[in-house]
Each structure stands twice: as C-alpha cells, then as structure tokens.
Amino acid sequence: MNNDRREKLTIARAMLTIARTIVEEVKDEEQEAYDNLPESFQMGEQGSEMDDGIAQLDLAYGSIDEACDLLEPYTLDDIEFVELVPASLIKKK
C-alpha cells in the first residue's frame, strides 16, 4: 500500500480514536448517572432504558476499538499517527 493511502487510513484511524474516546466518556457519564439513581428508578422504565443505552454504548466502543485495531497495520507509524490527533483525546487501552 502506498503512503497516500496509508495517510488516508491513518486519518480515518485518528477519527475513530476520537470517536472511541467520546463514546467511552458518554458511556461513563451515563453509567455514573444510572448508579446515582435511587434503586426504585433503576428498576423502572427510565433505569431500564439507561441500562440498555449503556450496553449499546459499550458495544459501540468495542466495535470502534476493533476497527482501530484492524486499520493499524495499514497506517503510518505511531509517531505520525499521534501528530494527527490532539494528545488530550488519545487514551491508551
């Protein structure tokens, strides 16, 4: 694969990394909100919807993470990859 295509995939992987971070942050915030609900609300419709949403966000995170892993062999080295993504958005596994 030539460097032009690798650069495009590196940018795509950088965007996925940002998306993964956002999904993880939202999931963590929703989990915290759920955990702070009274138990009666957790067992009710609102709690059930929140729990389902948390599970879906967890699946989305896993899918994005898998996509990042699949793209890794076809992207530029880590130094060039990191330059494309703000450091505040990169979280190590």
N, C-alpha and C. Protein backbone atom coordinates (compact mmCIF):
# COMPACT_ATOMS: atom_id res chain seq x y z
N MET A 1 0.86 -1.17 0.00
CA MET A 1 0.00 0.00 0.00
C MET A 1 0.91 1.23 0.00
N ASN A 2 0.55 2.21 -0.84
CA ASN A 2 1.40 3.39 -0.90
C ASN A 2 1.13 4.36 0.26
N ASN A 3 2.01 5.33 0.43
CA ASN A 3 1.91 6.25 1.56
C ASN A 3 0.67 7.14 1.52
N ASP A 4 0.19 7.49 0.33
CA ASP A 4 -1.02 8.32 0.24
C ASP A 4 -2.22 7.58 0.85
N ARG A 5 -2.37 6.31 0.50
CA ARG A 5 -3.48 5.54 1.06
C ARG A 5 -3.28 5.27 2.55
N ARG A 6 -2.03 5.03 2.94
CA ARG A 6 -1.74 4.84 4.37
C ARG A 6 -2.07 6.11 5.15
N GLU A 7 -1.78 7.27 4.57
CA GLU A 7 -2.09 8.52 5.25
C GLU A 7 -3.60 8.68 5.43
N LYS A 8 -4.36 8.34 4.39
CA LYS A 8 -5.83 8.42 4.50
C LYS A 8 -6.34 7.49 5.60
N LEU A 9 -5.80 6.28 5.65
CA LEU A 9 -6.23 5.34 6.68
C LEU A 9 -5.77 5.78 8.07
N THR A 10 -4.63 6.45 8.12
CA THR A 10 -4.16 6.98 9.39
C THR A 10 -5.11 8.07 9.89
N ILE A 11 -5.57 8.91 8.99
CA ILE A 11 -6.55 9.94 9.36
C ILE A 11 -7.85 9.29 9.81
N ALA A 12 -8.30 8.26 9.08
CA ALA A 12 -9.53 7.55 9.47
C ALA A 12 -9.37 6.93 10.85
N ARG A 13 -8.21 6.34 11.11
CA ARG A 13 -7.97 5.74 12.42
C ARG A 13 -7.92 6.81 13.52
N ALA A 14 -7.38 7.96 13.19
CA ALA A 14 -7.36 9.06 14.16
C ALA A 14 -8.78 9.50 14.49
N MET A 15 -9.63 9.60 13.48
CA MET A 15 -11.02 9.97 13.71
C MET A 15 -11.75 8.92 14.54
N LEU A 16 -11.47 7.66 14.27
CA LEU A 16 -12.06 6.59 15.06
C LEU A 16 -11.58 6.64 16.51
N THR A 17 -10.34 7.00 16.70
CA THR A 17 -9.80 7.12 18.05
C THR A 17 -10.54 8.23 18.81
N ILE A 18 -10.80 9.32 18.15
CA ILE A 18 -11.56 10.41 18.76
C ILE A 18 -12.97 9.94 19.08
N ALA A 19 -13.62 9.26 18.13
CA ALA A 19 -14.97 8.76 18.34
C ALA A 19 -15.00 7.77 19.51
N ARG A 20 -14.00 6.90 19.59
CA ARG A 20 -13.93 5.92 20.67
C ARG A 20 -13.85 6.62 22.03
N THR A 21 -13.05 7.67 22.09
CA THR A 21 -12.91 8.43 23.34
C THR A 21 -14.23 9.09 23.73
N ILE A 22 -14.92 9.68 22.76
CA ILE A 22 -16.20 10.33 23.04
C ILE A 22 -17.22 9.31 23.52
N VAL A 23 -17.32 8.17 22.84
CA VAL A 23 -18.27 7.13 23.23
C VAL A 23 -17.96 6.64 24.64
N GLU A 24 -16.69 6.45 24.95
CA GLU A 24 -16.32 5.98 26.28
C GLU A 24 -16.70 7.01 27.35
N GLU A 25 -16.45 8.28 27.08
CA GLU A 25 -16.79 9.33 28.05
C GLU A 25 -18.30 9.41 28.28
N VAL A 26 -19.08 9.33 27.21
CA VAL A 26 -20.54 9.39 27.34
C VAL A 26 -21.04 8.16 28.10
N LYS A 27 -20.50 6.99 27.78
CA LYS A 27 -20.89 5.77 28.48
C LYS A 27 -20.59 5.88 29.98
N ASP A 28 -19.40 6.37 30.30
CA ASP A 28 -19.03 6.52 31.71
C ASP A 28 -19.94 7.52 32.43
N GLU A 29 -20.28 8.62 31.76
CA GLU A 29 -21.19 9.61 32.36
C GLU A 29 -22.58 9.02 32.57
N GLU A 30 -23.06 8.25 31.59
CA GLU A 30 -24.38 7.63 31.71
C GLU A 30 -24.37 6.58 32.81
N GLN A 31 -23.29 5.82 32.91
CA GLN A 31 -23.17 4.81 33.97
C GLN A 31 -23.19 5.47 35.34
N GLU A 32 -22.48 6.59 35.46
CA GLU A 32 -22.47 7.32 36.73
C GLU A 32 -23.86 7.84 37.08
N ALA A 33 -24.56 8.37 36.06
CA ALA A 33 -25.92 8.87 36.29
C ALA A 33 -26.84 7.72 36.71
N TYR A 34 -26.71 6.58 36.06
CA TYR A 34 -27.51 5.40 36.41
C TYR A 34 -27.21 4.96 37.85
N ASP A 35 -25.93 4.89 38.17
CA ASP A 35 -25.53 4.45 39.52
C ASP A 35 -26.05 5.39 40.60
N ASN A 36 -26.25 6.66 40.27
CA ASN A 36 -26.73 7.64 41.24
C ASN A 36 -28.26 7.68 41.35
N LEU A 37 -28.95 6.93 40.49
CA LEU A 37 -30.41 6.87 40.60
C LEU A 37 -30.81 6.05 41.83
N PRO A 38 -31.91 6.40 42.45
CA PRO A 38 -32.42 5.52 43.51
C PRO A 38 -32.75 4.15 42.91
N GLU A 39 -32.63 3.13 43.71
CA GLU A 39 -32.85 1.76 43.22
C GLU A 39 -34.23 1.59 42.58
N SER A 40 -35.22 2.28 43.11
CA SER A 40 -36.57 2.16 42.54
C SER A 40 -36.60 2.69 41.10
N PHE A 41 -35.83 3.72 40.80
CA PHE A 41 -35.76 4.23 39.43
C PHE A 41 -34.92 3.32 38.54
N GLN A 42 -33.85 2.74 39.12
CA GLN A 42 -33.02 1.81 38.35
C GLN A 42 -33.84 0.63 37.86
N MET A 43 -34.78 0.18 38.66
CA MET A 43 -35.60 -0.97 38.31
C MET A 43 -36.79 -0.59 37.42
N GLY A 44 -37.02 0.69 37.25
CA GLY A 44 -38.15 1.15 36.45
C GLY A 44 -37.79 1.33 34.99
N GLU A 45 -38.73 1.93 34.26
CA GLU A 45 -38.55 2.13 32.82
C GLU A 45 -37.34 3.00 32.50
N GLN A 46 -37.19 4.10 33.24
CA GLN A 46 -36.07 5.00 33.00
C GLN A 46 -34.73 4.29 33.21
N GLY A 47 -34.63 3.55 34.29
CA GLY A 47 -33.40 2.82 34.58
C GLY A 47 -33.11 1.76 33.53
N SER A 48 -34.17 1.08 33.10
CA SER A 48 -34.01 0.05 32.07
C SER A 48 -33.50 0.65 30.75
N GLU A 49 -34.06 1.79 30.37
CA GLU A 49 -33.62 2.48 29.15
C GLU A 49 -32.16 2.92 29.28
N MET A 50 -31.80 3.45 30.43
CA MET A 50 -30.42 3.87 30.65
C MET A 50 -29.48 2.68 30.59
N ASP A 51 -29.85 1.57 31.22
CA ASP A 51 -29.02 0.37 31.23
C ASP A 51 -28.84 -0.16 29.81
N ASP A 52 -29.92 -0.17 29.02
CA ASP A 52 -29.82 -0.60 27.62
C ASP A 52 -28.89 0.31 26.83
N GLY A 53 -29.01 1.62 27.06
CA GLY A 53 -28.15 2.57 26.37
C GLY A 53 -26.68 2.37 26.72
N ILE A 54 -26.41 2.10 27.97
CA ILE A 54 -25.04 1.85 28.42
C ILE A 54 -24.48 0.61 27.72
N ALA A 55 -25.30 -0.42 27.64
CA ALA A 55 -24.87 -1.65 26.97
C ALA A 55 -24.58 -1.40 25.49
N GLN A 56 -25.42 -0.60 24.83
CA GLN A 56 -25.21 -0.29 23.42
C GLN A 56 -23.95 0.55 23.21
N LEU A 57 -23.72 1.49 24.11
CA LEU A 57 -22.50 2.30 24.03
C LEU A 57 -21.27 1.43 24.23
N ASP A 58 -21.36 0.45 25.10
CA ASP A 58 -20.25 -0.47 25.32
C ASP A 58 -19.97 -1.29 24.07
N LEU A 59 -21.03 -1.73 23.39
CA LEU A 59 -20.85 -2.46 22.13
C LEU A 59 -20.24 -1.56 21.06
N ALA A 60 -20.71 -0.32 20.99
CA ALA A 60 -20.17 0.63 20.01
C ALA A 60 -18.68 0.87 20.27
N TYR A 61 -18.32 1.05 21.54
CA TYR A 61 -16.92 1.24 21.90
C TYR A 61 -16.09 0.05 21.41
N GLY A 62 -16.57 -1.14 21.67
CA GLY A 62 -15.84 -2.34 21.25
C GLY A 62 -15.69 -2.43 19.74
N SER A 63 -16.72 -2.06 19.02
CA SER A 63 -16.67 -2.09 17.55
C SER A 63 -15.67 -1.07 17.01
N ILE A 64 -15.70 0.12 17.58
CA ILE A 64 -14.75 1.15 17.15
C ILE A 64 -13.32 0.73 17.48
N ASP A 65 -13.14 0.16 18.66
CA ASP A 65 -11.82 -0.32 19.07
C ASP A 65 -11.32 -1.39 18.12
N GLU A 66 -12.21 -2.29 17.73
CA GLU A 66 -11.83 -3.35 16.79
C GLU A 66 -11.45 -2.76 15.43
N ALA A 67 -12.20 -1.75 14.98
CA ALA A 67 -11.88 -1.11 13.70
C ALA A 67 -10.51 -0.45 13.77
N CYS A 68 -10.20 0.20 14.89
CA CYS A 68 -8.87 0.80 15.05
C CYS A 68 -7.78 -0.26 14.95
N ASP A 69 -8.00 -1.39 15.61
CA ASP A 69 -7.02 -2.47 15.58
C ASP A 69 -6.84 -3.03 14.17
N LEU A 70 -7.94 -3.16 13.44
CA LEU A 70 -7.86 -3.71 12.08
C LEU A 70 -7.13 -2.78 11.13
N LEU A 71 -7.24 -1.48 11.35
CA LEU A 71 -6.58 -0.50 10.49
C LEU A 71 -5.10 -0.31 10.83
N GLU A 72 -4.73 -0.65 12.04
CA GLU A 72 -3.36 -0.35 12.50
C GLU A 72 -2.26 -0.82 11.55
N PRO A 73 -2.32 -2.04 11.01
CA PRO A 73 -1.23 -2.48 10.13
C PRO A 73 -1.11 -1.67 8.84
N TYR A 74 -2.15 -0.93 8.49
CA TYR A 74 -2.17 -0.21 7.22
C TYR A 74 -2.01 1.29 7.40
N THR A 75 -1.63 1.71 8.60
CA THR A 75 -1.47 3.13 8.87
C THR A 75 0.01 3.45 9.06
N LEU A 76 0.28 4.75 9.09
CA LEU A 76 1.65 5.20 9.30
C LEU A 76 2.07 4.90 10.72
N ASP A 77 3.38 5.00 10.99
CA ASP A 77 3.85 4.64 12.33
C ASP A 77 3.23 5.52 13.40
N ASP A 78 3.33 5.09 14.64
CA ASP A 78 2.66 5.75 15.77
C ASP A 78 3.01 7.22 15.92
N ILE A 79 4.24 7.58 15.63
CA ILE A 79 4.63 8.99 15.79
C ILE A 79 3.82 9.86 14.84
N GLU A 80 3.70 9.46 13.59
CA GLU A 80 2.91 10.23 12.64
C GLU A 80 1.42 10.19 12.99
N PHE A 81 0.94 9.06 13.48
CA PHE A 81 -0.46 8.93 13.87
C PHE A 81 -0.79 9.89 15.00
N VAL A 82 0.06 9.93 16.02
CA VAL A 82 -0.17 10.78 17.18
C VAL A 82 -0.21 12.25 16.77
N GLU A 83 0.57 12.64 15.78
CA GLU A 83 0.59 14.03 15.33
C GLU A 83 -0.76 14.45 14.75
N LEU A 84 -1.58 13.52 14.30
CA LEU A 84 -2.87 13.84 13.70
C LEU A 84 -3.98 14.01 14.73
N VAL A 85 -3.75 13.55 15.95
CA VAL A 85 -4.79 13.55 16.98
C VAL A 85 -4.31 14.37 18.17
N PRO A 86 -5.15 15.29 18.66
CA PRO A 86 -4.76 16.03 19.88
C PRO A 86 -4.47 15.05 21.01
N ALA A 87 -3.40 15.29 21.73
CA ALA A 87 -2.96 14.39 22.80
C ALA A 87 -4.06 14.18 23.85
N SER A 88 -4.87 15.19 24.09
CA SER A 88 -5.92 15.08 25.12
C SER A 88 -6.98 14.06 24.74
N LEU A 89 -7.07 13.69 23.47
CA LEU A 89 -8.09 12.75 23.03
C LEU A 89 -7.59 11.33 22.92
N ILE A 90 -6.30 11.12 23.10
CA ILE A 90 -5.73 9.78 22.97
C ILE A 90 -5.66 9.15 24.35
N LYS A 91 -6.30 7.98 24.48
CA LYS A 91 -6.23 7.21 25.72
C LYS A 91 -5.68 5.84 25.38
N LYS A 92 -4.73 5.44 26.15
CA LYS A 92 -4.17 4.10 25.96
C LYS A 92 -5.12 3.08 26.55
N LYS A 93 -5.15 1.90 25.95
CA LYS A 93 -6.01 0.81 26.44
C LYS A 93 -5.54 0.35 27.79
